[in-house]
Amino acid sequence: MSNVRQRELFVERILRERDRFEQLLNYVGYLRRMTLKGVAGKWSVKDMLAYLWAHEQFIADRMQEILHNQPYTPCKTPSALDAFLDEFGYPDFGSPLLDAETSAEWLVEKYRNVGLDELAAQEIEAFCSIVSALESMKEETILRHNLYNQITQHTCKQYRRHAHTIRRWLKINDVQHK
């Protein structure tokens, strides 16, 4: 398979995964339902969207760094993790020191007072940035940085994980999903 074809198939795959997730969000529908706590613990669908945005923005920013030959080094100290959070507004998901639970709660708190429309726009922008960067990279760069796998980790796997939780919540609350 040609390198161009591999990339096209990958882009089609992440777009398909994205479409499925967006369809589920559209099914959830009403703002009231999107902000109800209890979908996953005390999280709402909106909270999940904030967490998803952080993952997408993380990989989108790393891809921009690759495109501009800027190095990325995962944080190795707690103070570096704090500095990263302050600079980028999301956790360093590449750091072995990251406490996922604490960082997830920080994200939810940060986006608590951000409107759903604004958050959704930021999340869509991050996703589009991933696709755009991917389409402009050379195949050798994509492979050298293991981006097909990294992108999948920060997009498709997150969509599936959150979609499963949302569907379970809809079923428990007797909202039928097709």
N, C-alpha and C. Protein backbone atom coordinates (compact mmCIF):
# COMPACT_ATOMS: atom_id res chain seq x y z
N MET A 1 0.86 -1.17 0.00
CA MET A 1 0.00 0.00 0.00
C MET A 1 0.90 1.23 0.00
N SER A 2 0.54 2.20 -0.81
CA SER A 2 1.35 3.42 -0.86
C SER A 2 1.19 4.22 0.42
N ASN A 3 2.22 5.03 0.70
CA ASN A 3 2.18 5.87 1.89
C ASN A 3 1.00 6.83 1.88
N VAL A 4 0.72 7.38 0.69
CA VAL A 4 -0.40 8.33 0.57
C VAL A 4 -1.71 7.60 0.87
N ARG A 5 -1.85 6.39 0.36
CA ARG A 5 -3.07 5.62 0.59
C ARG A 5 -3.23 5.26 2.07
N GLN A 6 -2.12 4.92 2.73
CA GLN A 6 -2.17 4.60 4.15
C GLN A 6 -2.69 5.80 4.94
N ARG A 7 -2.19 6.97 4.62
CA ARG A 7 -2.62 8.17 5.32
C ARG A 7 -4.10 8.45 5.03
N GLU A 8 -4.51 8.31 3.77
CA GLU A 8 -5.92 8.54 3.42
C GLU A 8 -6.84 7.61 4.20
N LEU A 9 -6.47 6.33 4.27
CA LEU A 9 -7.28 5.37 5.02
C LEU A 9 -7.32 5.71 6.50
N PHE A 10 -6.20 6.16 7.04
CA PHE A 10 -6.16 6.53 8.45
C PHE A 10 -7.05 7.74 8.71
N VAL A 11 -6.96 8.74 7.86
CA VAL A 11 -7.80 9.94 8.02
C VAL A 11 -9.28 9.55 7.91
N GLU A 12 -9.61 8.70 6.95
CA GLU A 12 -11.00 8.22 6.83
C GLU A 12 -11.44 7.53 8.12
N ARG A 13 -10.56 6.73 8.69
CA ARG A 13 -10.89 6.00 9.91
C ARG A 13 -11.16 6.94 11.08
N ILE A 14 -10.28 7.93 11.28
CA ILE A 14 -10.51 8.82 12.43
C ILE A 14 -11.73 9.71 12.18
N LEU A 15 -11.99 10.06 10.93
CA LEU A 15 -13.20 10.85 10.63
C LEU A 15 -14.46 10.02 10.90
N ARG A 16 -14.42 8.74 10.55
CA ARG A 16 -15.56 7.86 10.82
C ARG A 16 -15.81 7.72 12.33
N GLU A 17 -14.72 7.51 13.07
CA GLU A 17 -14.84 7.41 14.54
C GLU A 17 -15.39 8.71 15.11
N ARG A 18 -14.90 9.81 14.58
CA ARG A 18 -15.34 11.13 15.03
C ARG A 18 -16.83 11.32 14.75
N ASP A 19 -17.25 10.94 13.54
CA ASP A 19 -18.67 11.06 13.16
C ASP A 19 -19.56 10.27 14.10
N ARG A 20 -19.14 9.04 14.43
CA ARG A 20 -19.94 8.22 15.36
C ARG A 20 -20.08 8.90 16.72
N PHE A 21 -18.97 9.46 17.18
CA PHE A 21 -19.01 10.13 18.49
C PHE A 21 -19.91 11.36 18.43
N GLU A 22 -19.79 12.16 17.38
CA GLU A 22 -20.63 13.35 17.24
C GLU A 22 -22.10 12.97 17.13
N GLN A 23 -22.41 11.88 16.43
CA GLN A 23 -23.80 11.43 16.34
C GLN A 23 -24.35 11.10 17.72
N LEU A 24 -23.51 10.46 18.54
CA LEU A 24 -23.94 10.14 19.90
C LEU A 24 -24.17 11.42 20.70
N LEU A 25 -23.27 12.39 20.57
CA LEU A 25 -23.46 13.66 21.27
C LEU A 25 -24.74 14.35 20.80
N ASN A 26 -25.00 14.31 19.51
CA ASN A 26 -26.23 14.89 18.98
C ASN A 26 -27.45 14.16 19.55
N TYR A 27 -27.33 12.86 19.73
CA TYR A 27 -28.43 12.10 20.29
C TYR A 27 -28.69 12.50 21.75
N VAL A 28 -27.61 12.69 22.50
CA VAL A 28 -27.77 13.15 23.89
C VAL A 28 -28.57 14.44 23.88
N GLY A 29 -28.20 15.31 22.94
CA GLY A 29 -29.02 16.46 22.64
C GLY A 29 -28.98 17.61 23.60
N TYR A 30 -30.06 17.83 24.25
CA TYR A 30 -30.33 19.01 25.04
C TYR A 30 -29.17 19.43 25.95
N LEU A 31 -28.97 20.73 26.04
CA LEU A 31 -27.95 21.28 26.92
C LEU A 31 -28.14 20.74 28.34
N ARG A 32 -29.36 20.67 28.76
CA ARG A 32 -29.67 20.18 30.10
C ARG A 32 -29.09 18.77 30.29
N ARG A 33 -29.26 17.92 29.31
CA ARG A 33 -28.75 16.55 29.41
C ARG A 33 -27.22 16.51 29.33
N MET A 34 -26.64 17.41 28.55
CA MET A 34 -25.19 17.44 28.37
C MET A 34 -24.47 17.85 29.65
N THR A 35 -25.17 18.55 30.53
CA THR A 35 -24.53 19.06 31.74
C THR A 35 -24.97 18.34 33.01
N LEU A 36 -25.80 17.31 32.85
CA LEU A 36 -26.22 16.52 34.02
C LEU A 36 -25.05 15.71 34.56
N LYS A 37 -24.83 15.80 35.84
CA LYS A 37 -23.77 15.03 36.49
C LYS A 37 -24.21 13.57 36.60
N GLY A 38 -23.25 12.70 36.74
CA GLY A 38 -23.56 11.30 36.97
C GLY A 38 -23.39 10.39 35.78
N VAL A 39 -22.91 10.90 34.67
CA VAL A 39 -22.68 10.05 33.50
C VAL A 39 -21.55 9.07 33.80
N ALA A 40 -20.49 9.58 34.38
CA ALA A 40 -19.36 8.76 34.82
C ALA A 40 -18.92 9.32 36.17
N GLY A 41 -19.35 8.69 37.25
CA GLY A 41 -19.09 9.27 38.57
C GLY A 41 -19.85 10.58 38.67
N LYS A 42 -19.12 11.65 38.97
CA LYS A 42 -19.79 12.95 39.03
C LYS A 42 -19.63 13.76 37.74
N TRP A 43 -19.08 13.13 36.71
CA TRP A 43 -18.88 13.80 35.42
C TRP A 43 -20.15 13.86 34.59
N SER A 44 -20.26 14.94 33.81
CA SER A 44 -21.33 15.09 32.82
C SER A 44 -20.73 14.81 31.44
N VAL A 45 -21.57 14.80 30.42
CA VAL A 45 -21.08 14.67 29.05
C VAL A 45 -20.17 15.86 28.73
N LYS A 46 -20.54 17.04 29.20
CA LYS A 46 -19.70 18.22 28.98
C LYS A 46 -18.32 18.03 29.61
N ASP A 47 -18.26 17.46 30.79
CA ASP A 47 -16.98 17.19 31.44
C ASP A 47 -16.14 16.24 30.60
N MET A 48 -16.78 15.23 30.04
CA MET A 48 -16.07 14.29 29.17
C MET A 48 -15.53 15.01 27.95
N LEU A 49 -16.31 15.95 27.42
CA LEU A 49 -15.87 16.72 26.27
C LEU A 49 -14.64 17.56 26.60
N ALA A 50 -14.58 18.12 27.80
CA ALA A 50 -13.40 18.88 28.23
C ALA A 50 -12.18 17.97 28.28
N TYR A 51 -12.36 16.77 28.81
CA TYR A 51 -11.25 15.82 28.88
C TYR A 51 -10.81 15.40 27.48
N LEU A 52 -11.77 15.17 26.61
CA LEU A 52 -11.46 14.81 25.22
C LEU A 52 -10.71 15.94 24.53
N TRP A 53 -11.19 17.19 24.73
CA TRP A 53 -10.48 18.34 24.15
C TRP A 53 -9.02 18.34 24.57
N ALA A 54 -8.75 18.09 25.85
CA ALA A 54 -7.37 18.12 26.36
C ALA A 54 -6.50 17.09 25.64
N HIS A 55 -7.04 15.90 25.44
CA HIS A 55 -6.27 14.87 24.72
C HIS A 55 -6.01 15.29 23.28
N GLU A 56 -7.03 15.80 22.62
CA GLU A 56 -6.86 16.21 21.22
C GLU A 56 -5.91 17.40 21.12
N GLN A 57 -6.04 18.35 22.02
CA GLN A 57 -5.16 19.52 21.96
C GLN A 57 -3.72 19.12 22.26
N PHE A 58 -3.53 18.17 23.17
CA PHE A 58 -2.19 17.68 23.47
C PHE A 58 -1.52 17.14 22.21
N ILE A 59 -2.20 16.23 21.49
CA ILE A 59 -1.57 15.63 20.31
C ILE A 59 -1.48 16.65 19.18
N ALA A 60 -2.45 17.55 19.05
CA ALA A 60 -2.38 18.59 18.02
C ALA A 60 -1.16 19.49 18.24
N ASP A 61 -0.91 19.87 19.49
CA ASP A 61 0.24 20.71 19.79
C ASP A 61 1.55 19.98 19.56
N ARG A 62 1.61 18.69 19.92
CA ARG A 62 2.83 17.93 19.68
C ARG A 62 3.09 17.82 18.17
N MET A 63 2.03 17.66 17.39
CA MET A 63 2.19 17.58 15.93
C MET A 63 2.69 18.90 15.36
N GLN A 64 2.20 20.01 15.89
CA GLN A 64 2.69 21.32 15.45
C GLN A 64 4.18 21.48 15.79
N GLU A 65 4.56 21.00 16.97
CA GLU A 65 5.98 21.05 17.34
C GLU A 65 6.82 20.23 16.37
N ILE A 66 6.33 19.07 15.99
CA ILE A 66 7.05 18.24 15.03
C ILE A 66 7.17 18.96 13.69
N LEU A 67 6.08 19.55 13.24
CA LEU A 67 6.10 20.28 11.96
C LEU A 67 7.10 21.43 11.97
N HIS A 68 7.31 22.03 13.12
CA HIS A 68 8.21 23.18 13.23
C HIS A 68 9.55 22.81 13.87
N ASN A 69 9.85 21.51 13.90
CA ASN A 69 11.12 21.01 14.45
C ASN A 69 11.40 21.52 15.86
N GLN A 70 10.37 21.58 16.67
CA GLN A 70 10.52 21.98 18.07
C GLN A 70 10.47 20.72 18.93
N PRO A 71 11.40 20.58 19.84
CA PRO A 71 11.42 19.36 20.65
C PRO A 71 10.33 19.35 21.72
N TYR A 72 9.88 18.16 22.03
CA TYR A 72 8.97 17.95 23.15
C TYR A 72 9.64 16.93 24.06
N THR A 73 9.74 17.26 25.30
CA THR A 73 10.26 16.35 26.30
C THR A 73 9.22 16.22 27.40
N PRO A 74 8.76 15.00 27.65
CA PRO A 74 7.78 14.81 28.73
C PRO A 74 8.33 15.34 30.06
N CYS A 75 7.45 15.89 30.85
CA CYS A 75 7.84 16.46 32.15
C CYS A 75 8.39 15.36 33.06
N LYS A 76 9.48 15.71 33.74
CA LYS A 76 10.14 14.75 34.61
C LYS A 76 10.10 15.13 36.09
N THR A 77 9.53 16.29 36.38
CA THR A 77 9.41 16.71 37.78
C THR A 77 8.00 17.27 38.01
N PRO A 78 7.55 17.22 39.25
CA PRO A 78 6.22 17.79 39.55
C PRO A 78 6.15 19.28 39.20
N SER A 79 7.22 20.03 39.42
CA SER A 79 7.18 21.46 39.09
C SER A 79 7.10 21.66 37.57
N ALA A 80 7.74 20.77 36.81
CA ALA A 80 7.64 20.85 35.34
C ALA A 80 6.20 20.54 34.89
N LEU A 81 5.57 19.58 35.56
CA LEU A 81 4.16 19.27 35.24
C LEU A 81 3.27 20.48 35.49
N ASP A 82 3.49 21.15 36.61
CA ASP A 82 2.71 22.35 36.93
C ASP A 82 2.94 23.45 35.90
N ALA A 83 4.20 23.63 35.50
CA ALA A 83 4.54 24.66 34.52
C ALA A 83 3.91 24.34 33.16
N PHE A 84 3.90 23.07 32.79
CA PHE A 84 3.28 22.63 31.53
C PHE A 84 1.79 22.94 31.56
N LEU A 85 1.15 22.60 32.67
CA LEU A 85 -0.28 22.85 32.84
C LEU A 85 -0.59 24.34 32.72
N ASP A 86 0.23 25.16 33.36
CA ASP A 86 0.03 26.61 33.28
C ASP A 86 0.23 27.13 31.86
N GLU A 87 1.24 26.61 31.17
CA GLU A 87 1.55 27.10 29.82
C GLU A 87 0.51 26.67 28.79
N PHE A 88 0.13 25.39 28.83
CA PHE A 88 -0.74 24.86 27.77
C PHE A 88 -2.22 24.77 28.16
N GLY A 89 -2.51 24.72 29.44
CA GLY A 89 -3.90 24.64 29.87
C GLY A 89 -4.47 23.24 29.87
N TYR A 90 -3.61 22.26 29.75
CA TYR A 90 -4.00 20.85 29.83
C TYR A 90 -2.80 20.07 30.36
N PRO A 91 -3.03 18.85 30.83
CA PRO A 91 -1.94 18.05 31.41
C PRO A 91 -0.96 17.54 30.35
N ASP A 92 0.24 17.22 30.79
CA ASP A 92 1.25 16.59 29.92
C ASP A 92 0.97 15.09 29.92
N PHE A 93 0.13 14.66 28.98
CA PHE A 93 -0.25 13.26 28.91
C PHE A 93 0.92 12.34 28.58
N GLY A 94 2.04 12.91 28.13
CA GLY A 94 3.22 12.10 27.83
C GLY A 94 4.13 11.88 29.02
N SER A 95 3.85 12.53 30.12
CA SER A 95 4.71 12.42 31.30
C SER A 95 4.41 11.17 32.11
N PRO A 96 5.45 10.44 32.50
CA PRO A 96 5.23 9.27 33.36
C PRO A 96 4.80 9.67 34.78
N LEU A 97 4.96 10.93 35.13
CA LEU A 97 4.59 11.40 36.47
C LEU A 97 3.13 11.82 36.59
N LEU A 98 2.44 11.88 35.46
CA LEU A 98 1.08 12.42 35.46
C LEU A 98 0.15 11.57 36.32
N ASP A 99 -0.54 12.22 37.22
CA ASP A 99 -1.60 11.59 38.00
C ASP A 99 -2.89 11.86 37.22
N ALA A 100 -3.34 10.85 36.49
CA ALA A 100 -4.47 11.02 35.57
C ALA A 100 -5.73 11.48 36.28
N GLU A 101 -6.00 10.95 37.46
CA GLU A 101 -7.23 11.31 38.17
C GLU A 101 -7.21 12.78 38.60
N THR A 102 -6.09 13.23 39.15
CA THR A 102 -5.98 14.61 39.59
C THR A 102 -6.07 15.57 38.41
N SER A 103 -5.38 15.22 37.32
CA SER A 103 -5.40 16.11 36.15
C SER A 103 -6.78 16.15 35.51
N ALA A 104 -7.47 15.02 35.51
CA ALA A 104 -8.83 15.00 34.95
C ALA A 104 -9.75 15.89 35.76
N GLU A 105 -9.65 15.82 37.07
CA GLU A 105 -10.49 16.66 37.92
C GLU A 105 -10.14 18.14 37.73
N TRP A 106 -8.86 18.44 37.55
CA TRP A 106 -8.43 19.82 37.30
C TRP A 106 -9.09 20.34 36.02
N LEU A 107 -9.09 19.51 34.97
CA LEU A 107 -9.69 19.91 33.69
C LEU A 107 -11.19 20.18 33.85
N VAL A 108 -11.87 19.29 34.53
CA VAL A 108 -13.31 19.45 34.72
C VAL A 108 -13.59 20.75 35.47
N GLU A 109 -12.82 21.02 36.50
CA GLU A 109 -13.01 22.25 37.27
C GLU A 109 -12.72 23.48 36.40
N LYS A 110 -11.66 23.41 35.61
CA LYS A 110 -11.29 24.54 34.75
C LYS A 110 -12.41 24.89 33.76
N TYR A 111 -13.07 23.86 33.23
CA TYR A 111 -14.10 24.09 32.21
C TYR A 111 -15.52 24.15 32.76
N ARG A 112 -15.65 24.10 34.07
CA ARG A 112 -16.98 24.14 34.69
C ARG A 112 -17.78 25.37 34.26
N ASN A 113 -17.13 26.53 34.19
CA ASN A 113 -17.85 27.77 33.87
C ASN A 113 -17.70 28.20 32.42
N VAL A 114 -17.13 27.33 31.60
CA VAL A 114 -17.04 27.61 30.17
C VAL A 114 -18.30 27.05 29.52
N GLY A 115 -18.90 27.83 28.65
CA GLY A 115 -20.12 27.39 27.99
C GLY A 115 -19.89 26.18 27.11
N LEU A 116 -20.93 25.36 26.98
CA LEU A 116 -20.84 24.15 26.17
C LEU A 116 -20.49 24.48 24.72
N ASP A 117 -21.10 25.52 24.17
CA ASP A 117 -20.81 25.89 22.77
C ASP A 117 -19.34 26.27 22.59
N GLU A 118 -18.80 27.03 23.54
CA GLU A 118 -17.39 27.43 23.46
C GLU A 118 -16.47 26.22 23.58
N LEU A 119 -16.77 25.35 24.51
CA LEU A 119 -15.97 24.14 24.70
C LEU A 119 -16.03 23.27 23.45
N ALA A 120 -17.21 23.08 22.90
CA ALA A 120 -17.37 22.27 21.69
C ALA A 120 -16.58 22.87 20.53
N ALA A 121 -16.60 24.19 20.41
CA ALA A 121 -15.84 24.84 19.34
C ALA A 121 -14.32 24.61 19.51
N GLN A 122 -13.85 24.69 20.74
CA GLN A 122 -12.42 24.45 21.00
C GLN A 122 -12.05 23.00 20.69
N GLU A 123 -12.93 22.10 21.05
CA GLU A 123 -12.67 20.68 20.82
C GLU A 123 -12.65 20.37 19.33
N ILE A 124 -13.59 20.92 18.58
CA ILE A 124 -13.62 20.70 17.13
C ILE A 124 -12.37 21.31 16.48
N GLU A 125 -11.96 22.47 16.94
CA GLU A 125 -10.76 23.11 16.42
C GLU A 125 -9.52 22.25 16.66
N ALA A 126 -9.42 21.65 17.82
CA ALA A 126 -8.28 20.77 18.13
C ALA A 126 -8.28 19.56 17.19
N PHE A 127 -9.45 18.96 16.99
CA PHE A 127 -9.53 17.81 16.09
C PHE A 127 -9.13 18.20 14.66
N CYS A 128 -9.63 19.32 14.19
CA CYS A 128 -9.29 19.79 12.84
C CYS A 128 -7.80 20.06 12.70
N SER A 129 -7.19 20.55 13.76
CA SER A 129 -5.75 20.79 13.75
C SER A 129 -4.97 19.49 13.59
N ILE A 130 -5.46 18.43 14.21
CA ILE A 130 -4.82 17.12 14.08
C ILE A 130 -4.86 16.66 12.63
N VAL A 131 -6.03 16.72 12.03
CA VAL A 131 -6.20 16.27 10.64
C VAL A 131 -5.35 17.12 9.71
N SER A 132 -5.37 18.43 9.91
CA SER A 132 -4.60 19.33 9.06
C SER A 132 -3.09 19.05 9.16
N ALA A 133 -2.60 18.89 10.38
CA ALA A 133 -1.17 18.60 10.56
C ALA A 133 -0.81 17.26 9.94
N LEU A 134 -1.65 16.28 10.12
CA LEU A 134 -1.41 14.96 9.56
C LEU A 134 -1.32 15.02 8.04
N GLU A 135 -2.22 15.76 7.43
CA GLU A 135 -2.23 15.86 5.97
C GLU A 135 -1.02 16.62 5.42
N SER A 136 -0.39 17.45 6.25
CA SER A 136 0.75 18.23 5.75
C SER A 136 2.10 17.59 6.09
N MET A 137 2.10 16.50 6.82
CA MET A 137 3.36 15.86 7.20
C MET A 137 3.81 14.84 6.16
N LYS A 138 5.11 14.67 6.11
CA LYS A 138 5.68 13.62 5.28
C LYS A 138 5.44 12.29 6.00
N GLU A 139 5.26 11.25 5.20
CA GLU A 139 5.00 9.93 5.77
C GLU A 139 6.15 9.48 6.68
N GLU A 140 7.35 9.75 6.31
CA GLU A 140 8.50 9.34 7.14
C GLU A 140 8.45 10.01 8.52
N THR A 141 7.97 11.25 8.56
CA THR A 141 7.83 11.96 9.83
C THR A 141 6.74 11.31 10.68
N ILE A 142 5.63 10.98 10.05
CA ILE A 142 4.53 10.32 10.75
C ILE A 142 5.00 9.02 11.37
N LEU A 143 5.71 8.23 10.58
CA LEU A 143 6.18 6.94 11.06
C LEU A 143 7.26 7.08 12.14
N ARG A 144 8.19 8.01 11.95
CA ARG A 144 9.28 8.21 12.91
C ARG A 144 8.74 8.58 14.30
N HIS A 145 7.67 9.34 14.32
CA HIS A 145 7.09 9.78 15.59
C HIS A 145 5.92 8.91 16.05
N ASN A 146 5.69 7.80 15.34
CA ASN A 146 4.63 6.87 15.72
C ASN A 146 3.27 7.59 15.84
N LEU A 147 3.01 8.50 14.92
CA LEU A 147 1.82 9.35 15.05
C LEU A 147 0.51 8.62 14.78
N TYR A 148 0.52 7.61 13.93
CA TYR A 148 -0.74 6.89 13.72
C TYR A 148 -1.22 6.32 15.05
N ASN A 149 -0.32 5.75 15.81
CA ASN A 149 -0.68 5.19 17.12
C ASN A 149 -1.02 6.30 18.11
N GLN A 150 -0.21 7.34 18.17
CA GLN A 150 -0.46 8.41 19.13
C GLN A 150 -1.79 9.12 18.86
N ILE A 151 -2.07 9.37 17.61
CA ILE A 151 -3.34 10.03 17.26
C ILE A 151 -4.51 9.13 17.67
N THR A 152 -4.39 7.84 17.39
CA THR A 152 -5.44 6.90 17.77
C THR A 152 -5.66 6.92 19.28
N GLN A 153 -4.57 6.96 20.06
CA GLN A 153 -4.68 6.98 21.52
C GLN A 153 -5.43 8.22 22.02
N HIS A 154 -5.19 9.35 21.37
CA HIS A 154 -5.76 10.61 21.86
C HIS A 154 -7.08 10.99 21.19
N THR A 155 -7.51 10.20 20.21
CA THR A 155 -8.79 10.49 19.56
C THR A 155 -9.70 9.27 19.63
N CYS A 156 -9.51 8.34 18.72
CA CYS A 156 -10.42 7.20 18.58
C CYS A 156 -10.63 6.43 19.88
N LYS A 157 -9.57 6.13 20.59
CA LYS A 157 -9.73 5.38 21.84
C LYS A 157 -10.50 6.20 22.87
N GLN A 158 -10.29 7.50 22.88
CA GLN A 158 -11.04 8.36 23.80
C GLN A 158 -12.52 8.41 23.40
N TYR A 159 -12.78 8.51 22.09
CA TYR A 159 -14.18 8.53 21.63
C TYR A 159 -14.89 7.26 22.07
N ARG A 160 -14.25 6.11 21.81
CA ARG A 160 -14.88 4.83 22.14
C ARG A 160 -15.11 4.70 23.64
N ARG A 161 -14.12 5.08 24.42
CA ARG A 161 -14.24 4.97 25.87
C ARG A 161 -15.40 5.81 26.40
N HIS A 162 -15.45 7.06 25.96
CA HIS A 162 -16.51 7.94 26.44
C HIS A 162 -17.87 7.56 25.85
N ALA A 163 -17.89 7.10 24.60
CA ALA A 163 -19.15 6.69 23.98
C ALA A 163 -19.75 5.52 24.73
N HIS A 164 -18.93 4.58 25.13
CA HIS A 164 -19.42 3.43 25.89
C HIS A 164 -20.08 3.90 27.19
N THR A 165 -19.42 4.82 27.87
CA THR A 165 -19.95 5.34 29.14
C THR A 165 -21.26 6.10 28.92
N ILE A 166 -21.30 6.90 27.88
CA ILE A 166 -22.51 7.69 27.59
C ILE A 166 -23.67 6.77 27.22
N ARG A 167 -23.42 5.76 26.38
CA ARG A 167 -24.49 4.82 26.00
C ARG A 167 -25.03 4.09 27.23
N ARG A 168 -24.13 3.67 28.12
CA ARG A 168 -24.56 2.98 29.34
C ARG A 168 -25.45 3.91 30.18
N TRP A 169 -25.04 5.17 30.29
CA TRP A 169 -25.81 6.16 31.05
C TRP A 169 -27.18 6.38 30.41
N LEU A 170 -27.23 6.48 29.09
CA LEU A 170 -28.51 6.65 28.40
C LEU A 170 -29.42 5.45 28.65
N LYS A 171 -28.84 4.25 28.60
CA LYS A 171 -29.63 3.04 28.82
C LYS A 171 -30.17 2.99 30.25
N ILE A 172 -29.31 3.28 31.21
CA ILE A 172 -29.74 3.28 32.61
C ILE A 172 -30.87 4.28 32.83
N ASN A 173 -30.82 5.39 32.13
CA ASN A 173 -31.84 6.43 32.27
C ASN A 173 -32.97 6.27 31.27
N ASP A 174 -33.03 5.10 30.64
CA ASP A 174 -34.11 4.72 29.73
C ASP A 174 -34.26 5.67 28.56
N VAL A 175 -33.13 6.14 28.05
CA VAL A 175 -33.13 6.92 26.81
C VAL A 175 -32.58 5.99 25.75
N GLN A 176 -33.38 5.59 24.81
CA GLN A 176 -32.96 4.61 23.82
C GLN A 176 -32.05 5.24 22.77
N HIS A 177 -30.95 4.56 22.48
CA HIS A 177 -30.01 5.00 21.45
C HIS A 177 -29.97 3.95 20.35
N LYS A 178 -29.96 4.41 19.13
CA LYS A 178 -29.96 3.50 17.97
C LYS A 178 -28.61 2.89 17.77
